[in-house]
Amino acid sequence: MSIIKIFEIDGNNFSDKEGFYCEIDRILTINLTWKTGHNLDAYNDLLRGGFGAHEYGEPIVLRWLNFNKSKQELGMAFVLDVLEITLDCNNSGHDCKLELY
């Protein structure tokens, strides 16, 4: 039985979209020599893996701490887009379970 990696983003660490993308970079990338895109397409790619934190296609759990704060500061439209991508509603190929706190 393999252990599923758990990654936590904390809404207290950001208050805008750029901060969200920086937080995602912090937890889902390790030792990249280049900058990731700070957009929803790049976020989707990072969830698939292969950027140092987890292998490509490896199942993960994403815990979003202080989610209500993020909803207020990022706006519901953006948060809904992020949730749709995270939950892979478009079958884009990643395996991510989402936990909201």
N, C-alpha and C. Protein backbone atom coordinates (compact mmCIF):
# COMPACT_ATOMS: atom_id res chain seq x y z
N MET A 1 0.84 -1.17 0.00
CA MET A 1 0.00 0.00 0.00
C MET A 1 0.89 1.25 0.00
N SER A 2 0.66 2.15 -0.93
CA SER A 2 1.47 3.36 -0.99
C SER A 2 0.83 4.48 -0.18
N ILE A 3 1.66 5.34 0.30
CA ILE A 3 1.20 6.47 1.08
C ILE A 3 0.94 7.64 0.14
N ILE A 4 -0.24 8.23 0.24
CA ILE A 4 -0.58 9.38 -0.60
C ILE A 4 0.00 10.64 0.03
N LYS A 5 0.70 11.41 -0.77
CA LYS A 5 1.29 12.66 -0.29
C LYS A 5 0.21 13.70 -0.06
N ILE A 6 0.38 14.44 1.02
CA ILE A 6 -0.55 15.50 1.39
C ILE A 6 0.18 16.83 1.29
N PHE A 7 -0.41 17.76 0.57
CA PHE A 7 0.14 19.10 0.43
C PHE A 7 -0.86 20.10 1.00
N GLU A 8 -0.36 21.07 1.76
CA GLU A 8 -1.23 22.06 2.38
C GLU A 8 -0.94 23.45 1.83
N ILE A 9 -2.00 24.10 1.37
CA ILE A 9 -1.90 25.53 1.08
C ILE A 9 -2.66 26.23 2.20
N ASP A 10 -2.15 27.36 2.61
CA ASP A 10 -2.74 28.08 3.73
C ASP A 10 -3.18 29.46 3.27
N GLY A 11 -4.48 29.68 3.34
CA GLY A 11 -5.04 30.97 2.95
C GLY A 11 -4.47 32.14 3.73
N ASN A 12 -3.86 31.90 4.88
CA ASN A 12 -3.22 32.98 5.63
C ASN A 12 -1.91 33.42 4.98
N ASN A 13 -1.39 32.64 4.03
CA ASN A 13 -0.13 32.97 3.38
C ASN A 13 -0.29 33.83 2.13
N PHE A 14 -1.53 34.13 1.73
CA PHE A 14 -1.75 34.94 0.53
C PHE A 14 -3.10 35.66 0.62
N SER A 15 -3.23 36.72 -0.15
CA SER A 15 -4.48 37.48 -0.15
C SER A 15 -4.90 37.92 -1.55
N ASP A 16 -4.16 37.46 -2.57
CA ASP A 16 -4.53 37.77 -3.95
C ASP A 16 -4.11 36.60 -4.85
N LYS A 17 -4.46 36.70 -6.12
CA LYS A 17 -4.19 35.59 -7.05
C LYS A 17 -2.70 35.32 -7.19
N GLU A 18 -1.90 36.36 -7.29
CA GLU A 18 -0.45 36.17 -7.41
C GLU A 18 0.09 35.43 -6.19
N GLY A 19 -0.39 35.80 -5.02
CA GLY A 19 0.02 35.13 -3.80
C GLY A 19 -0.41 33.67 -3.80
N PHE A 20 -1.60 33.38 -4.32
CA PHE A 20 -2.07 32.00 -4.44
C PHE A 20 -1.11 31.19 -5.30
N TYR A 21 -0.74 31.74 -6.46
CA TYR A 21 0.16 31.01 -7.35
C TYR A 21 1.54 30.82 -6.72
N CYS A 22 2.02 31.80 -5.97
CA CYS A 22 3.30 31.65 -5.27
C CYS A 22 3.20 30.55 -4.22
N GLU A 23 2.08 30.47 -3.52
CA GLU A 23 1.88 29.42 -2.51
C GLU A 23 1.86 28.05 -3.19
N ILE A 24 1.18 27.95 -4.33
CA ILE A 24 1.13 26.68 -5.07
C ILE A 24 2.54 26.29 -5.53
N ASP A 25 3.29 27.26 -6.05
CA ASP A 25 4.67 26.98 -6.44
C ASP A 25 5.47 26.46 -5.25
N ARG A 26 5.29 27.08 -4.10
CA ARG A 26 6.04 26.71 -2.91
C ARG A 26 5.80 25.26 -2.52
N ILE A 27 4.56 24.79 -2.67
CA ILE A 27 4.26 23.43 -2.20
C ILE A 27 4.35 22.36 -3.29
N LEU A 28 4.14 22.72 -4.55
CA LEU A 28 4.08 21.69 -5.61
C LEU A 28 5.32 21.65 -6.50
N THR A 29 6.32 22.52 -6.23
CA THR A 29 7.55 22.47 -7.01
C THR A 29 8.74 22.43 -6.06
N ILE A 30 9.80 21.77 -6.52
CA ILE A 30 11.04 21.71 -5.76
C ILE A 30 12.20 21.84 -6.74
N ASN A 31 13.09 22.78 -6.46
CA ASN A 31 14.35 22.94 -7.20
C ASN A 31 14.17 23.18 -8.71
N LEU A 32 13.14 23.89 -9.10
CA LEU A 32 13.01 24.25 -10.51
C LEU A 32 14.01 25.36 -10.83
N THR A 33 14.57 25.32 -12.02
CA THR A 33 15.50 26.36 -12.44
C THR A 33 14.81 27.40 -13.32
N TRP A 34 13.48 27.33 -13.40
CA TRP A 34 12.69 28.25 -14.19
C TRP A 34 11.40 28.55 -13.43
N LYS A 35 10.73 29.62 -13.81
CA LYS A 35 9.50 30.04 -13.14
C LYS A 35 8.30 29.38 -13.81
N THR A 36 7.35 28.97 -13.02
CA THR A 36 6.12 28.43 -13.56
C THR A 36 5.21 29.57 -13.99
N GLY A 37 4.26 29.26 -14.84
CA GLY A 37 3.24 30.24 -15.19
C GLY A 37 2.33 30.49 -14.00
N HIS A 38 1.89 31.68 -13.85
CA HIS A 38 0.95 31.98 -12.78
C HIS A 38 -0.42 32.21 -13.39
N ASN A 39 -1.02 31.08 -13.76
CA ASN A 39 -2.35 31.08 -14.36
C ASN A 39 -2.99 29.72 -14.09
N LEU A 40 -4.25 29.60 -14.43
CA LEU A 40 -4.99 28.37 -14.12
C LEU A 40 -4.49 27.17 -14.92
N ASP A 41 -4.04 27.39 -16.15
CA ASP A 41 -3.50 26.27 -16.94
C ASP A 41 -2.24 25.71 -16.29
N ALA A 42 -1.37 26.59 -15.83
CA ALA A 42 -0.14 26.14 -15.16
C ALA A 42 -0.48 25.44 -13.85
N TYR A 43 -1.48 25.95 -13.12
CA TYR A 43 -1.92 25.30 -11.89
C TYR A 43 -2.35 23.86 -12.17
N ASN A 44 -3.11 23.67 -13.22
CA ASN A 44 -3.54 22.34 -13.62
C ASN A 44 -2.34 21.44 -13.91
N ASP A 45 -1.36 21.97 -14.60
CA ASP A 45 -0.14 21.20 -14.89
C ASP A 45 0.57 20.80 -13.61
N LEU A 46 0.68 21.72 -12.65
CA LEU A 46 1.37 21.42 -11.40
C LEU A 46 0.66 20.31 -10.62
N LEU A 47 -0.66 20.27 -10.70
CA LEU A 47 -1.40 19.21 -10.01
C LEU A 47 -1.07 17.84 -10.59
N ARG A 48 -0.75 17.78 -11.88
CA ARG A 48 -0.41 16.50 -12.51
C ARG A 48 0.90 15.94 -11.98
N GLY A 49 1.79 16.83 -11.53
CA GLY A 49 3.05 16.37 -10.98
C GLY A 49 4.20 16.46 -11.95
N GLY A 50 5.36 16.01 -11.47
CA GLY A 50 6.56 16.03 -12.28
C GLY A 50 7.41 17.28 -12.10
N PHE A 51 7.11 18.06 -11.07
CA PHE A 51 7.84 19.31 -10.83
C PHE A 51 8.62 19.26 -9.51
N GLY A 52 8.95 18.04 -9.07
CA GLY A 52 9.81 17.87 -7.91
C GLY A 52 9.11 17.46 -6.63
N ALA A 53 7.86 17.87 -6.44
CA ALA A 53 7.17 17.56 -5.19
C ALA A 53 6.48 16.20 -5.23
N HIS A 54 5.95 15.83 -6.40
CA HIS A 54 5.35 14.51 -6.58
C HIS A 54 5.50 14.11 -8.05
N GLU A 55 5.46 12.82 -8.28
CA GLU A 55 5.67 12.29 -9.63
C GLU A 55 4.47 12.57 -10.53
N TYR A 56 4.73 12.60 -11.83
CA TYR A 56 3.66 12.81 -12.80
C TYR A 56 2.60 11.72 -12.63
N GLY A 57 1.35 12.13 -12.47
CA GLY A 57 0.25 11.20 -12.33
C GLY A 57 0.06 10.60 -10.95
N GLU A 58 0.94 10.92 -10.02
CA GLU A 58 0.85 10.38 -8.65
C GLU A 58 -0.36 10.99 -7.94
N PRO A 59 -1.19 10.18 -7.31
CA PRO A 59 -2.32 10.73 -6.54
C PRO A 59 -1.82 11.56 -5.36
N ILE A 60 -2.51 12.68 -5.12
CA ILE A 60 -2.17 13.55 -4.00
C ILE A 60 -3.44 14.01 -3.29
N VAL A 61 -3.24 14.53 -2.09
CA VAL A 61 -4.30 15.21 -1.35
C VAL A 61 -3.86 16.66 -1.21
N LEU A 62 -4.76 17.58 -1.54
CA LEU A 62 -4.50 19.00 -1.37
C LEU A 62 -5.41 19.51 -0.26
N ARG A 63 -4.80 19.96 0.83
CA ARG A 63 -5.54 20.55 1.95
C ARG A 63 -5.45 22.06 1.83
N TRP A 64 -6.60 22.70 1.82
CA TRP A 64 -6.64 24.15 1.73
C TRP A 64 -7.08 24.69 3.08
N LEU A 65 -6.11 25.15 3.86
CA LEU A 65 -6.38 25.72 5.17
C LEU A 65 -6.87 27.16 5.02
N ASN A 66 -7.72 27.59 5.93
CA ASN A 66 -8.27 28.94 5.90
C ASN A 66 -8.94 29.26 4.56
N PHE A 67 -9.72 28.27 4.10
CA PHE A 67 -10.39 28.38 2.81
C PHE A 67 -11.37 29.54 2.77
N ASN A 68 -12.12 29.77 3.83
CA ASN A 68 -13.11 30.86 3.82
C ASN A 68 -12.44 32.22 3.63
N LYS A 69 -11.27 32.40 4.22
CA LYS A 69 -10.52 33.64 4.01
C LYS A 69 -10.15 33.78 2.53
N SER A 70 -9.72 32.69 1.92
CA SER A 70 -9.36 32.72 0.50
C SER A 70 -10.57 33.05 -0.37
N LYS A 71 -11.72 32.48 -0.04
CA LYS A 71 -12.93 32.78 -0.81
C LYS A 71 -13.23 34.28 -0.80
N GLN A 72 -13.11 34.87 0.36
CA GLN A 72 -13.40 36.30 0.48
C GLN A 72 -12.38 37.15 -0.28
N GLU A 73 -11.12 36.81 -0.18
CA GLU A 73 -10.08 37.66 -0.76
C GLU A 73 -9.84 37.41 -2.24
N LEU A 74 -10.02 36.17 -2.69
CA LEU A 74 -9.77 35.85 -4.10
C LEU A 74 -11.01 36.04 -4.96
N GLY A 75 -12.16 36.01 -4.34
CA GLY A 75 -13.42 36.13 -5.09
C GLY A 75 -13.96 34.76 -5.45
N MET A 76 -15.26 34.65 -5.40
CA MET A 76 -15.90 33.35 -5.62
C MET A 76 -15.67 32.81 -7.03
N ALA A 77 -15.66 33.66 -8.03
CA ALA A 77 -15.48 33.18 -9.41
C ALA A 77 -14.13 32.49 -9.57
N PHE A 78 -13.07 33.12 -9.07
CA PHE A 78 -11.73 32.53 -9.17
C PHE A 78 -11.66 31.24 -8.36
N VAL A 79 -12.19 31.25 -7.15
CA VAL A 79 -12.15 30.06 -6.29
C VAL A 79 -12.90 28.91 -6.95
N LEU A 80 -14.04 29.18 -7.56
CA LEU A 80 -14.78 28.12 -8.24
C LEU A 80 -13.97 27.54 -9.39
N ASP A 81 -13.26 28.39 -10.14
CA ASP A 81 -12.38 27.89 -11.21
C ASP A 81 -11.30 26.99 -10.64
N VAL A 82 -10.69 27.41 -9.53
CA VAL A 82 -9.63 26.61 -8.90
C VAL A 82 -10.19 25.27 -8.42
N LEU A 83 -11.37 25.30 -7.81
CA LEU A 83 -11.98 24.06 -7.33
C LEU A 83 -12.29 23.11 -8.48
N GLU A 84 -12.81 23.65 -9.57
CA GLU A 84 -13.13 22.82 -10.74
C GLU A 84 -11.88 22.14 -11.29
N ILE A 85 -10.79 22.89 -11.36
CA ILE A 85 -9.53 22.32 -11.84
C ILE A 85 -9.01 21.29 -10.85
N THR A 86 -9.02 21.62 -9.58
CA THR A 86 -8.49 20.73 -8.56
C THR A 86 -9.24 19.40 -8.54
N LEU A 87 -10.55 19.47 -8.68
CA LEU A 87 -11.38 18.26 -8.65
C LEU A 87 -11.41 17.55 -9.99
N ASP A 88 -10.68 18.08 -10.97
CA ASP A 88 -10.54 17.49 -12.30
C ASP A 88 -11.89 17.25 -12.98
N CYS A 89 -12.75 18.25 -12.93
CA CYS A 89 -14.06 18.16 -13.56
C CYS A 89 -13.95 18.01 -15.08
N ASN A 90 -12.83 18.41 -15.65
CA ASN A 90 -12.64 18.34 -17.11
C ASN A 90 -11.84 17.11 -17.53
N ASN A 91 -11.57 16.21 -16.57
CA ASN A 91 -10.78 15.01 -16.86
C ASN A 91 -9.44 15.33 -17.51
N SER A 92 -8.71 16.24 -16.90
CA SER A 92 -7.44 16.66 -17.47
C SER A 92 -6.27 15.74 -17.13
N GLY A 93 -6.49 14.80 -16.22
CA GLY A 93 -5.47 13.79 -16.02
C GLY A 93 -4.73 13.79 -14.71
N HIS A 94 -5.15 14.56 -13.73
CA HIS A 94 -4.48 14.45 -12.44
C HIS A 94 -5.41 13.76 -11.44
N ASP A 95 -4.82 13.29 -10.38
CA ASP A 95 -5.55 12.55 -9.35
C ASP A 95 -5.36 13.29 -8.03
N CYS A 96 -6.28 14.19 -7.73
CA CYS A 96 -6.15 15.06 -6.57
C CYS A 96 -7.43 15.05 -5.75
N LYS A 97 -7.29 14.68 -4.50
CA LYS A 97 -8.40 14.78 -3.55
C LYS A 97 -8.26 16.13 -2.87
N LEU A 98 -9.37 16.82 -2.65
CA LEU A 98 -9.35 18.15 -2.05
C LEU A 98 -10.02 18.12 -0.69
N GLU A 99 -9.35 18.73 0.29
CA GLU A 99 -9.92 18.89 1.63
C GLU A 99 -9.90 20.38 1.97
N LEU A 100 -11.05 20.89 2.38
CA LEU A 100 -11.17 22.32 2.71
C LEU A 100 -11.31 22.49 4.21
N TYR A 101 -10.55 23.41 4.76
CA TYR A 101 -10.59 23.70 6.19
C TYR A 101 -10.72 25.18 6.43
